[in-house]
Amino acid sequence: MKVVVCHTGGVGSQVVRLLLAHPQHELVGVLAHDESKVGRDVGELVGVAECGIRATDDVDELIALAPDCALWHGVVWHREVVARFLRAGINVYTGMGGFDTPLGEDSGLLEACAEGRASLASGGNIPGLISDVLPLFLSGYSGNVRRIRATQRSHVADYPSAFQLSEYLNMGATLEEAERANAADAVWVTGMAQSARLVAEGLGVSYGHTVISAKEFAPATEDLVLPGSGLEVAEGAVAGVRRTFTTTSAEGAPFLDVVNEQTVALGLGAHWRQEVDQPNWTVEIDGDPSIRCELAVGHGSDPGQDPVTALNAARAVNFIREVVAAPPGFVSVLDVPAPRGQVAG
């Protein structure tokens, strides 16, 4: 498959590295957001040997390459750029989750899919794993499912984007600033609601609404400079955030709770992450039988690579064949098989 990668942040750079070594996919182009990256060799941009592909900010140039798929990993969502790819017959996978309108209800994007006979799929690690894929998978082994609780506890000190850590997780903000940061809450609710709708559809439940039912912050116990991004977190500023999202059916009965905890320091309190090697994710299903599953993610062959970034990148690359083979329109794991990995050569 011929593939274009849109943007080379933390996830995008790892996607590029994976594609350059992939036996079945060919990286043919890269879209750059930062003007300083335009015209530079993509290998240089992502920290590997030069590959002969130069980053561009010209979308038409990338469309002319006739790729099978474009992988969108921008800091922000440029809907019209995505629509241009779709109208040109280029399938799109995006690792982003916070859209103003759920993809499946965006008539403009659906029209672009129909015009180009292309598919559009979305999902990162959350959504895309703990808040929808894993609960749905486990629900297949339980009868009379009454309620699902999914918990993510991620230590993100090594995460490479200072913007995302501060903008979406409030890291480094004062506790008072974080409490007032409702814009980030709205982004999270939008993304979580998409996952919740997917779970509701998979379980045969009429979706009601998704709300933040609890929000907690933990202050840093000392001054920090985060190794992955360089973000400074002063003593007393936010070093941990935990949001609980509760989803109800149309009849008002809660059926899904997703707890999202993110920390940039360990041991922030008795009920916060204490060790680096603690399991990242837990899913509990109240049903017949009840099920509890713990899932951990760790470093691979590159100890300097953030594991969650690597997870998001691997899912994107592994989803290429599924989105290319899918029928035109918005597709999810309810429509296509879950992505499968590639055995190292």
Protein backbone atom coordinates (compact mmCIF):
# COMPACT_ATOMS: atom_id res chain seq x y z
CA MET A 1 0.00 0.00 0.00
CA LYS A 2 1.19 3.54 -0.80
CA VAL A 3 0.82 5.74 2.27
CA VAL A 4 0.99 9.45 3.10
CA VAL A 5 1.59 10.59 6.69
CA CYS A 6 0.15 13.93 7.77
CA HIS A 7 2.42 15.66 10.29
CA THR A 8 5.47 14.49 12.22
CA GLY A 9 4.78 15.07 15.89
CA GLY A 10 5.38 12.32 18.43
CA VAL A 11 2.96 9.78 16.93
CA GLY A 12 3.47 10.84 13.32
CA SER A 13 7.24 10.48 13.58
CA GLN A 14 6.92 6.95 14.93
CA VAL A 15 4.44 6.13 12.14
CA VAL A 16 7.02 7.28 9.59
CA ARG A 17 9.73 5.14 11.19
CA LEU A 18 7.47 2.08 11.13
CA LEU A 19 6.49 2.64 7.49
CA LEU A 20 10.07 3.09 6.32
CA ALA A 21 10.81 -0.42 7.59
CA HIS A 22 7.49 -2.04 6.65
CA PRO A 23 7.58 -4.91 4.13
CA GLN A 24 4.05 -4.33 2.76
CA HIS A 25 3.55 -0.56 2.83
CA GLU A 26 5.42 2.20 1.01
CA LEU A 27 5.74 5.70 2.46
CA VAL A 28 5.40 8.08 -0.51
CA GLY A 29 4.84 11.48 1.10
CA VAL A 30 4.64 13.49 4.31
CA LEU A 31 2.60 16.61 5.06
CA ALA A 32 4.38 19.15 7.27
CA HIS A 33 2.66 21.77 9.41
CA ASP A 34 5.81 23.59 10.55
CA GLU A 35 7.39 25.70 7.76
CA SER A 36 10.85 24.81 9.07
CA LYS A 37 10.21 21.16 8.12
CA VAL A 38 9.13 21.83 4.53
CA GLY A 39 11.68 20.58 1.99
CA ARG A 40 13.71 18.58 4.51
CA ASP A 41 14.32 14.85 4.20
CA VAL A 42 11.72 12.94 6.20
CA GLY A 43 14.31 10.53 7.60
CA GLU A 44 16.19 13.45 9.09
CA LEU A 45 12.98 14.83 10.60
CA VAL A 46 12.20 11.60 12.45
CA GLY A 47 15.74 10.73 13.51
CA VAL A 48 16.68 7.96 11.05
CA ALA A 49 18.75 7.76 7.87
CA GLU A 50 17.75 9.99 4.96
CA CYS A 51 15.13 8.27 2.77
CA GLY A 52 14.83 10.56 -0.25
CA ILE A 53 11.31 11.76 0.61
CA ARG A 54 10.98 15.45 1.38
CA ALA A 55 8.24 16.90 3.56
CA THR A 56 5.78 19.25 1.88
CA ASP A 57 2.95 21.59 2.84
CA ASP A 58 1.28 21.17 -0.57
CA VAL A 59 -1.77 18.90 -0.25
CA ASP A 60 -2.24 18.75 -4.01
CA GLU A 61 1.30 17.42 -4.37
CA LEU A 62 0.45 14.57 -2.00
CA ILE A 63 -2.85 13.82 -3.73
CA ALA A 64 -0.99 13.59 -7.06
CA LEU A 65 1.04 10.71 -5.61
CA ALA A 66 -2.19 8.65 -5.61
CA PRO A 67 -1.66 7.01 -2.23
CA ASP A 68 -3.99 4.27 -1.03
CA CYS A 69 -4.23 5.77 2.44
CA ALA A 70 -3.44 8.94 4.39
CA LEU A 71 -2.75 8.76 8.13
CA TRP A 72 -3.75 11.96 9.94
CA HIS A 73 -1.73 12.77 13.08
CA GLY A 74 -1.96 16.54 13.25
CA VAL A 75 -2.13 18.52 16.47
CA VAL A 76 -5.46 19.89 15.25
CA TRP A 77 -8.20 18.57 12.98
CA HIS A 78 -8.27 20.13 9.49
CA ARG A 79 -11.58 18.80 8.26
CA GLU A 80 -11.37 20.26 4.75
CA VAL A 81 -7.90 18.80 4.12
CA VAL A 82 -9.22 15.38 5.15
CA ALA A 83 -12.22 15.88 2.86
CA ARG A 84 -9.88 16.67 -0.06
CA PHE A 85 -8.10 13.35 0.43
CA LEU A 86 -11.41 11.50 0.59
CA ARG A 87 -12.81 13.18 -2.52
CA ALA A 88 -9.64 12.15 -4.36
CA GLY A 89 -10.31 8.51 -3.49
CA ILE A 90 -7.69 8.35 -0.72
CA ASN A 91 -8.76 6.42 2.39
CA VAL A 92 -8.04 8.16 5.70
CA TYR A 93 -7.26 6.91 9.19
CA THR A 94 -7.03 9.47 11.98
CA GLY A 95 -5.66 8.91 15.46
CA MET A 96 -7.48 11.95 16.81
CA GLY A 97 -10.64 11.71 18.86
CA GLY A 98 -11.93 15.18 19.75
CA PHE A 99 -14.11 16.20 16.84
CA ASP A 100 -16.84 18.82 17.00
CA THR A 101 -19.15 16.35 15.24
CA PRO A 102 -18.80 12.57 15.43
CA LEU A 103 -17.38 11.39 12.13
CA GLY A 104 -20.31 9.11 11.42
CA GLU A 105 -22.69 12.10 11.56
CA ASP A 106 -20.62 14.56 9.50
CA SER A 107 -22.60 14.80 6.25
CA GLY A 108 -19.84 16.72 4.48
CA LEU A 109 -17.23 14.06 5.16
CA LEU A 110 -19.67 11.31 4.28
CA GLU A 111 -20.36 13.05 0.98
CA ALA A 112 -16.61 13.27 0.35
CA CYS A 113 -16.32 9.53 1.05
CA ALA A 114 -19.13 8.80 -1.41
CA GLU A 115 -17.65 11.04 -4.10
CA GLY A 116 -14.22 9.42 -3.87
CA ARG A 117 -15.47 5.96 -2.87
CA ALA A 118 -13.09 6.17 0.07
CA SER A 119 -13.25 5.10 3.73
CA LEU A 120 -12.64 7.08 6.90
CA ALA A 121 -11.71 5.49 10.23
CA SER A 122 -10.72 7.02 13.57
CA GLY A 123 -9.30 6.12 16.95
CA GLY A 124 -6.21 6.43 19.09
CA ASN A 125 -5.33 4.41 22.15
CA ILE A 126 -8.23 6.08 23.98
CA PRO A 127 -10.56 6.03 22.13
CA GLY A 128 -9.53 3.03 20.12
CA LEU A 129 -8.67 0.57 22.89
CA ILE A 130 -9.61 0.97 26.52
CA SER A 131 -12.81 2.98 26.09
CA ASP A 132 -14.34 0.94 23.28
CA VAL A 133 -12.39 -1.90 21.59
CA LEU A 134 -11.32 -3.81 24.70
CA PRO A 135 -14.68 -3.50 26.53
CA LEU A 136 -16.51 -4.68 23.41
CA PHE A 137 -14.13 -7.60 22.96
CA LEU A 138 -14.49 -8.74 26.58
CA SER A 139 -18.27 -8.30 26.52
CA GLY A 140 -18.38 -11.17 24.03
CA TYR A 141 -17.45 -13.53 26.86
CA SER A 142 -20.11 -12.40 29.35
CA GLY A 143 -23.89 -12.72 29.39
CA ASN A 144 -26.36 -10.23 30.85
CA VAL A 145 -23.85 -7.36 30.87
CA ARG A 146 -25.03 -4.87 33.46
CA ARG A 147 -22.23 -2.29 33.63
CA ILE A 148 -18.71 -1.80 32.31
CA ARG A 149 -15.92 0.13 34.03
CA ALA A 150 -12.73 0.87 32.11
CA THR A 151 -9.75 2.56 33.77
CA GLN A 152 -6.68 4.07 32.16
CA ARG A 153 -3.74 5.02 34.40
CA SER A 154 -0.93 6.43 32.27
CA HIS A 155 2.38 7.91 33.36
CA VAL A 156 3.12 10.45 30.61
CA ALA A 157 6.29 12.19 31.80
CA ASP A 158 8.02 11.08 28.58
CA TYR A 159 5.22 12.22 26.26
CA PRO A 160 6.82 14.41 23.55
CA SER A 161 4.19 17.17 23.16
CA ALA A 162 4.23 19.99 25.70
CA PHE A 163 1.20 21.51 23.95
CA GLN A 164 -0.98 18.45 24.41
CA LEU A 165 0.16 17.92 28.02
CA SER A 166 -0.70 21.49 28.98
CA GLU A 167 -3.72 22.08 26.70
CA TYR A 168 -5.60 18.81 27.21
CA LEU A 169 -4.27 17.53 30.55
CA ASN A 170 -3.67 20.87 32.34
CA MET A 171 -0.17 19.75 33.36
CA GLY A 172 1.79 22.63 34.87
CA ALA A 173 -1.31 24.76 35.51
CA THR A 174 -2.24 25.92 38.98
CA LEU A 175 -5.05 23.96 40.60
CA GLU A 176 -7.30 27.02 40.27
CA GLU A 177 -6.53 27.36 36.54
CA ALA A 178 -7.16 23.67 35.97
CA GLU A 179 -10.55 23.79 37.68
CA ARG A 180 -11.60 26.59 35.32
CA ALA A 181 -10.27 24.89 32.16
CA ASN A 182 -13.63 23.72 30.84
CA ALA A 183 -12.49 23.82 27.20
CA ALA A 184 -10.34 20.75 27.76
CA ASP A 185 -13.28 19.01 29.44
CA ALA A 186 -15.44 19.61 26.38
CA VAL A 187 -12.82 18.08 24.07
CA TRP A 188 -12.55 15.01 26.28
CA VAL A 189 -16.31 14.55 26.53
CA THR A 190 -16.66 14.76 22.75
CA GLY A 191 -14.05 12.05 22.23
CA MET A 192 -15.40 9.83 24.99
CA ALA A 193 -18.95 10.19 23.69
CA GLN A 194 -17.80 8.79 20.35
CA SER A 195 -16.39 5.75 22.12
CA ALA A 196 -19.52 5.42 24.23
CA ARG A 197 -21.75 5.52 21.14
CA LEU A 198 -19.63 2.74 19.64
CA VAL A 199 -20.00 0.62 22.80
CA ALA A 200 -23.73 1.33 22.96
CA GLU A 201 -24.20 0.26 19.35
CA GLY A 202 -22.13 -2.87 19.92
CA LEU A 203 -24.14 -3.81 23.01
CA GLY A 204 -27.50 -2.97 21.45
CA VAL A 205 -28.15 -0.10 23.88
CA SER A 206 -29.89 3.15 22.92
CA TYR A 207 -27.31 5.88 23.65
CA GLY A 208 -28.33 8.63 26.06
CA HIS A 209 -25.49 10.97 27.01
CA THR A 210 -21.92 11.08 28.36
CA VAL A 211 -20.85 13.41 31.18
CA ILE A 212 -17.86 13.98 33.43
CA SER A 213 -19.13 12.54 36.71
CA ALA A 214 -15.91 13.25 38.66
CA LYS A 215 -12.69 15.25 38.18
CA GLU A 216 -9.63 15.26 40.45
CA PHE A 217 -6.19 16.87 40.34
CA ALA A 218 -2.95 15.99 42.14
CA PRO A 219 -0.23 18.60 42.72
CA ALA A 220 3.48 18.08 42.10
CA THR A 221 5.50 17.53 45.26
CA GLU A 222 8.61 19.16 43.73
CA ASP A 223 9.64 21.23 40.72
CA LEU A 224 9.76 19.11 37.54
CA VAL A 225 11.08 19.45 34.00
CA LEU A 226 9.50 16.70 31.94
CA PRO A 227 12.11 14.73 29.96
CA GLY A 228 9.96 14.09 26.90
CA SER A 229 8.70 17.61 26.22
CA GLY A 230 10.69 20.01 28.40
CA LEU A 231 7.47 21.22 30.03
CA GLU A 232 8.07 22.80 33.44
CA VAL A 233 5.77 21.79 36.28
CA ALA A 234 6.29 23.78 39.46
CA GLU A 235 5.80 22.35 42.93
CA GLY A 236 2.08 22.61 43.74
CA ALA A 237 1.05 22.77 40.07
CA VAL A 238 -0.98 20.04 38.38
CA ALA A 239 1.01 16.82 37.95
CA GLY A 240 -1.93 14.44 37.80
CA VAL A 241 -5.49 14.61 36.48
CA ARG A 242 -8.27 12.02 36.70
CA ARG A 243 -11.59 12.34 34.91
CA THR A 244 -14.46 9.85 35.17
CA PHE A 245 -16.88 9.73 32.24
CA THR A 246 -20.27 8.10 32.80
CA THR A 247 -22.58 7.15 29.94
CA THR A 248 -26.28 6.38 30.28
CA SER A 249 -28.78 4.74 28.00
CA ALA A 250 -31.62 6.74 26.45
CA GLU A 251 -33.71 5.53 29.41
CA GLY A 252 -31.22 7.08 31.86
CA ALA A 253 -29.56 3.90 33.15
CA PRO A 254 -25.73 4.14 33.45
CA PHE A 255 -23.95 1.30 31.64
CA LEU A 256 -20.38 2.56 31.02
CA ASP A 257 -17.81 4.33 33.20
CA VAL A 258 -14.41 5.32 31.80
CA VAL A 259 -11.80 6.57 34.26
CA ASN A 260 -8.88 8.41 32.67
CA GLU A 261 -5.90 9.14 34.92
CA GLN A 262 -2.78 10.85 33.56
CA THR A 263 0.28 11.67 35.66
CA VAL A 264 3.72 13.16 35.04
CA ALA A 265 5.04 12.13 38.48
CA LEU A 266 4.66 8.99 40.58
CA GLY A 267 3.42 8.70 44.15
CA LEU A 268 1.20 11.78 44.07
CA GLY A 269 -1.12 10.23 46.64
CA ALA A 270 -2.45 6.95 47.99
CA HIS A 271 -4.89 6.47 45.11
CA TRP A 272 -2.62 7.64 42.31
CA ARG A 273 -0.12 5.68 40.22
CA GLN A 274 2.83 4.59 42.36
CA GLU A 275 5.13 2.61 40.04
CA VAL A 276 6.14 2.90 36.38
CA ASP A 277 5.43 -0.78 35.71
CA GLN A 278 1.85 -0.80 37.06
CA PRO A 279 -0.73 -2.01 34.51
CA ASN A 280 -1.92 0.86 32.34
CA TRP A 281 -5.47 -0.35 31.74
CA THR A 282 -8.16 -2.30 33.57
CA VAL A 283 -11.57 -3.32 32.26
CA GLU A 284 -14.22 -4.72 34.61
CA ILE A 285 -17.49 -6.16 33.36
CA ASP A 286 -20.39 -6.76 35.71
CA GLY A 287 -22.17 -9.65 34.01
CA ASP A 288 -22.53 -13.43 33.95
CA PRO A 289 -19.72 -14.13 34.45
CA SER A 290 -18.10 -10.93 35.68
CA ILE A 291 -14.73 -10.28 34.07
CA ARG A 292 -11.65 -8.27 35.10
CA CYS A 293 -8.79 -7.75 32.65
CA GLU A 294 -5.53 -5.85 33.21
CA LEU A 295 -3.35 -4.70 30.33
CA ALA A 296 0.12 -3.17 30.57
CA VAL A 297 2.25 -1.42 27.95
CA GLY A 298 6.03 -1.18 28.18
CA HIS A 299 9.05 -0.09 26.21
CA GLY A 300 9.97 -1.99 23.06
CA SER A 301 13.37 -2.19 21.38
CA ASP A 302 13.86 1.58 21.80
CA PRO A 303 13.88 2.43 25.53
CA GLY A 304 13.62 6.13 24.67
CA GLN A 305 10.31 5.70 22.83
CA ASP A 306 7.19 6.63 24.78
CA PRO A 307 5.13 3.38 24.91
CA VAL A 308 1.73 5.06 24.49
CA THR A 309 3.00 7.04 21.50
CA ALA A 310 4.33 3.79 20.03
CA LEU A 311 0.97 2.07 20.66
CA ASN A 312 -0.94 4.80 18.81
CA ALA A 313 1.51 4.69 15.90
CA ALA A 314 1.41 0.89 15.61
CA ARG A 315 -2.39 0.87 15.57
CA ALA A 316 -2.43 3.42 12.75
CA VAL A 317 -0.02 1.42 10.60
CA ASN A 318 -1.79 -1.87 11.37
CA PHE A 319 -5.15 -0.32 10.42
CA ILE A 320 -4.06 0.61 6.88
CA ARG A 321 -5.13 -2.63 5.24
CA GLU A 322 -8.48 -2.57 7.06
CA VAL A 323 -9.45 0.97 6.07
CA VAL A 324 -8.31 0.43 2.46
CA ALA A 325 -10.37 -2.77 2.17
CA ALA A 326 -13.44 -1.27 3.88
CA PRO A 327 -16.52 -0.08 1.98
CA PRO A 328 -16.83 3.69 1.36
CA GLY A 329 -17.93 5.82 4.29
CA PHE A 330 -17.15 6.00 8.00
CA VAL A 331 -16.01 2.67 9.41
CA SER A 332 -15.19 1.43 12.90
CA VAL A 333 -14.21 -1.84 14.56
CA LEU A 334 -17.90 -2.76 14.42
CA ASP A 335 -17.57 -2.79 10.63
CA VAL A 336 -14.08 -4.21 10.05
CA PRO A 337 -11.78 -6.63 11.89
CA ALA A 338 -9.60 -5.23 14.65
CA PRO A 339 -6.09 -4.35 13.42
CA ARG A 340 -3.44 -7.09 13.47
CA GLY A 341 0.30 -6.67 13.90
CA GLN A 342 3.20 -7.52 11.62
CA VAL A 343 5.80 -10.10 12.68
CA ALA A 344 9.29 -8.57 12.64
CA GLY A 345 11.45 -9.83 9.80
